[in-house]
């Protein structure tokens, strides 16, 4: 005979299983369906509301029925690794990337769009601060070593995710990738900017642990793109470095 703790654990297991997947998991015995309906609706609607607010663009391209079906699949099939509500969006992204993939009826850009929307939340709740990284904001960005903010994330996607919405839903990826920079400034505002290939390359170089001075980094970019006049790249790049500094993407020059 099961002990009371064992019976309670079994009841909780059956209860949770039914709440997650009521179509395939039987409810606990001797509990009125009206009461179970309240729990089913309460738990599901909380997750639905949370994901709708975390992924507003993705939500907008699904009709109500299809969206609720997507949320229901996540709710039933995925086992979250954290009890924290701010992490549910990350768990949803993990589900899309690792378990669900693209299914019939899903737009081909779904995974990239979900990732792009998650990044904004991730940067918002990131506990790191600009002041955690020592840098001189008045330092020489060309002769010194520019410091890239840890709250600046360069991203590349097959689809132009920053343009996707209810009225723009491409069915095929364009030939050229989309490069974006998502960053949190010193006012704790999350901002977005598009990058061309050269600026994306520059940010990658600056993020390299072995990065040298700003001038050396720009000369490396000039070499990588095969520019015939490297000093022109340095001249143009100096303005780019200053712009990134003003946006808080660069924090200044490294304090040696």
Protein backbone atom coordinates (compact mmCIF):
# COMPACT_ATOMS: atom_id res chain seq x y z
CA UNK A 1 0.00 0.00 0.00
CA UNK A 2 1.33 3.43 -0.91
CA UNK A 3 2.22 5.80 1.90
CA UNK A 4 0.56 9.26 2.00
CA UNK A 5 3.68 10.99 0.56
CA UNK A 6 3.76 8.48 -2.31
CA UNK A 7 0.04 8.99 -3.00
CA UNK A 8 0.51 12.77 -2.96
CA UNK A 9 3.45 12.54 -5.36
CA UNK A 10 1.42 10.33 -7.71
CA UNK A 11 -1.55 12.72 -7.52
CA UNK A 12 0.71 15.68 -8.37
CA UNK A 13 2.21 13.76 -11.30
CA UNK A 14 -1.20 12.89 -12.75
CA UNK A 15 -2.51 16.40 -12.12
CA UNK A 16 0.46 18.07 -13.84
CA UNK A 17 0.37 15.61 -16.75
CA UNK A 18 -3.29 16.35 -17.40
CA UNK A 19 -2.80 20.11 -17.12
CA UNK A 20 0.02 20.00 -19.70
CA UNK A 21 -1.71 17.64 -22.12
CA UNK A 22 -5.42 17.22 -21.37
CA UNK A 23 -6.15 15.52 -24.70
CA UNK A 24 -3.86 12.58 -23.94
CA UNK A 25 -3.49 12.50 -20.16
CA UNK A 26 -6.39 11.51 -17.92
CA UNK A 27 -7.28 13.85 -15.03
CA UNK A 28 -6.93 12.72 -11.42
CA UNK A 29 -9.85 10.60 -10.30
CA UNK A 30 -12.59 12.04 -8.13
CA UNK A 31 -11.94 15.64 -9.12
CA UNK A 32 -14.84 17.45 -10.71
CA UNK A 33 -14.19 18.36 -14.35
CA UNK A 34 -15.44 21.89 -13.72
CA UNK A 35 -12.64 22.39 -11.22
CA UNK A 36 -10.03 20.86 -13.54
CA UNK A 37 -11.23 23.14 -16.32
CA UNK A 38 -10.38 26.16 -14.18
CA UNK A 39 -6.85 24.89 -13.65
CA UNK A 40 -6.40 23.95 -17.32
CA UNK A 41 -7.50 27.38 -18.46
CA UNK A 42 -5.52 29.27 -15.82
CA UNK A 43 -2.19 27.54 -16.43
CA UNK A 44 -2.44 27.53 -20.21
CA UNK A 45 -3.59 31.13 -20.48
CA UNK A 46 -0.66 32.27 -18.33
CA UNK A 47 1.83 30.63 -20.67
CA UNK A 48 -0.06 31.84 -23.74
CA UNK A 49 -0.05 35.43 -22.47
CA UNK A 50 3.62 35.29 -21.52
CA UNK A 51 4.75 33.97 -24.90
CA UNK A 52 2.50 36.37 -26.79
CA UNK A 53 4.17 39.30 -25.03
CA UNK A 54 7.68 37.90 -25.50
CA UNK A 55 7.18 37.08 -29.20
CA UNK A 56 4.70 39.71 -30.45
CA UNK A 57 5.72 39.59 -34.11
CA UNK A 58 5.68 35.81 -34.25
CA UNK A 59 2.28 35.86 -32.56
CA UNK A 60 0.92 38.35 -35.10
CA UNK A 61 1.59 36.10 -38.09
CA UNK A 62 -0.44 33.20 -36.65
CA UNK A 63 -4.21 33.18 -36.38
CA UNK A 64 -5.65 32.47 -32.94
CA UNK A 65 -6.19 28.77 -33.50
CA UNK A 66 -2.75 28.05 -34.96
CA UNK A 67 -0.98 30.08 -32.28
CA UNK A 68 -2.78 28.31 -29.48
CA UNK A 69 -1.89 25.03 -31.14
CA UNK A 70 1.78 26.01 -31.19
CA UNK A 71 1.67 27.02 -27.53
CA UNK A 72 -0.20 23.83 -26.66
CA UNK A 73 2.47 21.72 -28.39
CA UNK A 74 5.21 23.52 -26.42
CA UNK A 75 3.24 23.14 -23.21
CA UNK A 76 2.71 19.42 -23.73
CA UNK A 77 5.99 18.34 -25.33
CA UNK A 78 8.70 20.44 -23.70
CA UNK A 79 10.09 20.02 -20.19
CA UNK A 80 11.36 23.38 -18.94
CA UNK A 81 14.64 23.35 -17.04
CA UNK A 82 13.81 26.42 -14.93
CA UNK A 83 10.85 27.61 -12.85
CA UNK A 84 11.61 31.29 -13.55
CA UNK A 85 9.05 33.12 -15.69
CA UNK A 86 11.66 35.35 -17.43
CA UNK A 87 13.32 32.15 -18.70
CA UNK A 88 10.16 30.70 -20.29
CA UNK A 89 10.88 32.56 -23.55
CA UNK A 90 14.31 30.90 -23.70
CA UNK A 91 12.69 27.52 -23.08
CA UNK A 92 10.23 28.20 -25.91
CA UNK A 93 13.14 29.03 -28.21
CA UNK A 94 14.90 25.82 -27.14
CA UNK A 95 11.75 23.88 -27.96
CA UNK A 96 11.51 25.40 -31.43
CA UNK A 97 15.19 24.84 -32.19
CA UNK A 98 15.80 21.46 -30.59
CA UNK A 99 12.47 19.65 -30.67
CA UNK A 100 9.85 21.09 -32.94
CA UNK A 101 11.76 22.42 -35.92
CA UNK A 102 9.72 23.65 -38.87
CA UNK A 103 6.39 21.87 -39.40
CA UNK A 104 3.74 22.14 -42.08
CA UNK A 105 2.12 25.54 -41.88
CA UNK A 106 5.06 27.19 -40.11
CA UNK A 107 6.77 30.06 -41.93
CA UNK A 108 10.34 29.23 -43.04
CA UNK A 109 11.71 32.13 -41.00
CA UNK A 110 10.04 31.06 -37.75
CA UNK A 111 13.19 29.97 -35.90
CA UNK A 112 15.18 33.04 -36.88
CA UNK A 113 12.35 35.42 -36.01
CA UNK A 114 11.84 33.75 -32.64
CA UNK A 115 15.55 34.04 -31.89
CA UNK A 116 15.60 37.70 -32.88
CA UNK A 117 12.67 38.48 -30.60
CA UNK A 118 14.17 36.49 -27.73
CA UNK A 119 17.43 38.48 -27.95
CA UNK A 120 15.63 41.67 -26.93
CA UNK A 121 14.34 40.02 -23.75
CA UNK A 122 17.70 38.35 -23.07
CA UNK A 123 19.53 41.67 -23.23
CA UNK A 124 16.88 43.38 -21.12
CA UNK A 125 17.32 40.95 -18.21
CA UNK A 126 21.08 40.39 -18.64
CA UNK A 127 22.60 41.18 -15.24
CA UNK A 128 25.90 42.42 -16.64
CA UNK A 129 26.63 46.14 -16.58
CA UNK A 130 28.79 48.35 -18.77
CA UNK A 131 30.80 49.31 -15.71
CA UNK A 132 31.84 45.68 -15.24
CA UNK A 133 34.33 46.12 -18.09
CA UNK A 134 37.19 48.59 -17.48
CA UNK A 135 37.49 51.05 -20.38
CA UNK A 136 38.36 54.70 -20.90
CA UNK A 137 35.48 56.33 -22.82
CA UNK A 138 37.78 59.21 -23.79
CA UNK A 139 40.60 56.96 -24.96
CA UNK A 140 42.01 56.92 -28.48
CA UNK A 141 40.05 54.32 -30.45
CA UNK A 142 42.62 54.14 -33.24
CA UNK A 143 45.84 53.93 -31.28
CA UNK A 144 44.26 52.22 -28.28
CA UNK A 145 42.43 48.91 -28.11
CA UNK A 146 38.66 49.43 -28.45
CA UNK A 147 36.56 47.57 -25.90
CA UNK A 148 33.36 45.99 -27.20
CA UNK A 149 30.41 46.00 -24.82
CA UNK A 150 29.36 42.55 -23.58
CA UNK A 151 25.79 43.82 -24.08
CA UNK A 152 26.27 44.22 -27.83
CA UNK A 153 25.37 41.11 -29.82
CA UNK A 154 26.13 40.90 -33.55
CA UNK A 155 23.70 38.58 -35.31
CA UNK A 156 23.37 37.20 -38.82
CA UNK A 157 20.21 35.67 -40.27
CA UNK A 158 19.16 34.19 -43.59
CA UNK A 159 15.94 36.22 -43.48
CA UNK A 160 15.51 39.99 -42.84
CA UNK A 161 13.89 39.31 -39.48
CA UNK A 162 13.82 42.98 -38.46
CA UNK A 163 11.37 43.68 -41.31
CA UNK A 164 9.09 40.69 -40.91
CA UNK A 165 5.54 41.35 -39.77
CA UNK A 166 1.97 40.61 -40.67
CA UNK A 167 2.32 42.44 -44.00
CA UNK A 168 5.78 41.12 -44.91
CA UNK A 169 6.37 37.37 -44.74
CA UNK A 170 8.97 36.19 -47.25
CA UNK A 171 8.71 32.59 -48.38
CA UNK A 172 12.35 32.31 -49.46
CA UNK A 173 15.54 33.68 -47.99
CA UNK A 174 17.28 36.35 -50.10
CA UNK A 175 20.70 35.69 -51.55
CA UNK A 176 22.46 37.94 -49.03
CA UNK A 177 22.25 37.42 -45.27
CA UNK A 178 20.97 40.07 -42.89
CA UNK A 179 23.46 41.38 -40.35
CA UNK A 180 22.11 43.08 -37.24
CA UNK A 181 23.50 44.43 -34.01
CA UNK A 182 21.32 44.33 -30.92
CA UNK A 183 22.69 46.17 -27.92
CA UNK A 184 21.75 47.67 -24.58
CA UNK A 185 22.99 51.19 -23.97
CA UNK A 186 23.88 52.88 -20.68
CA UNK A 187 20.25 53.98 -20.26
CA UNK A 188 19.27 50.28 -20.27
CA UNK A 189 17.47 50.73 -23.58
CA UNK A 190 17.70 47.86 -26.07
CA UNK A 191 18.46 49.15 -29.54
CA UNK A 192 18.87 47.59 -32.98
CA UNK A 193 20.93 48.56 -36.01
CA UNK A 194 21.60 46.95 -39.36
CA UNK A 195 25.17 46.22 -40.36
CA UNK A 196 26.82 45.95 -43.74
CA UNK A 197 29.30 43.16 -44.37
CA UNK A 198 32.33 45.30 -43.55
CA UNK A 199 31.00 46.64 -40.25
CA UNK A 200 29.93 43.15 -39.23
CA UNK A 201 33.47 41.95 -39.98
CA UNK A 202 34.93 44.84 -37.96
CA UNK A 203 32.81 43.98 -34.92
CA UNK A 204 33.91 40.35 -35.19
CA UNK A 205 37.54 41.49 -35.26
CA UNK A 206 37.04 43.80 -32.28
CA UNK A 207 35.42 40.96 -30.35
CA UNK A 208 38.45 38.73 -30.90
CA UNK A 209 40.39 38.25 -27.68
CA UNK A 210 43.61 38.85 -29.60
CA UNK A 211 42.32 42.15 -31.02
CA UNK A 212 44.98 44.84 -31.26
CA UNK A 213 44.56 48.58 -31.71
CA UNK A 214 41.68 50.09 -33.61
CA UNK A 215 44.02 50.94 -36.46
CA UNK A 216 45.40 47.42 -36.60
CA UNK A 217 41.87 46.01 -36.52
CA UNK A 218 40.82 48.22 -39.44
CA UNK A 219 43.92 47.27 -41.41
CA UNK A 220 43.04 43.62 -40.80
CA UNK A 221 39.54 44.29 -42.16
CA UNK A 222 41.06 45.99 -45.22
CA UNK A 223 43.25 42.95 -45.80
CA UNK A 224 40.38 40.50 -45.38
CA UNK A 225 38.17 42.30 -47.90
CA UNK A 226 41.07 42.88 -50.29
CA UNK A 227 40.77 46.68 -50.30
CA UNK A 228 43.43 48.27 -52.55
CA UNK A 229 43.86 51.31 -50.28
CA UNK A 230 43.92 50.22 -46.63
CA UNK A 231 44.33 53.75 -45.28
CA UNK A 232 40.95 54.63 -46.78
CA UNK A 233 39.44 51.87 -44.67
CA UNK A 234 41.18 53.30 -41.59
CA UNK A 235 39.84 56.79 -42.33
CA UNK A 236 36.27 55.59 -42.82
CA UNK A 237 36.57 53.14 -39.95
CA UNK A 238 37.53 55.87 -37.50
CA UNK A 239 34.08 57.41 -37.97
CA UNK A 240 32.46 54.00 -37.51
CA UNK A 241 34.35 53.45 -34.25
CA UNK A 242 33.20 56.85 -32.98
CA UNK A 243 29.60 56.09 -33.89
CA UNK A 244 29.76 52.76 -32.07
CA UNK A 245 31.20 54.53 -29.03
CA UNK A 246 28.34 57.04 -28.98
CA UNK A 247 25.84 54.20 -29.16
CA UNK A 248 27.54 52.38 -26.19
CA UNK A 249 28.45 49.48 -28.43
CA UNK A 250 32.07 50.37 -27.75
CA UNK A 251 32.88 51.34 -24.18
CA UNK A 252 36.13 53.15 -24.94
CA UNK A 253 39.78 52.17 -25.12
CA UNK A 254 41.19 49.42 -22.99
CA UNK A 255 42.88 50.52 -19.78
CA UNK A 256 46.30 48.91 -19.91
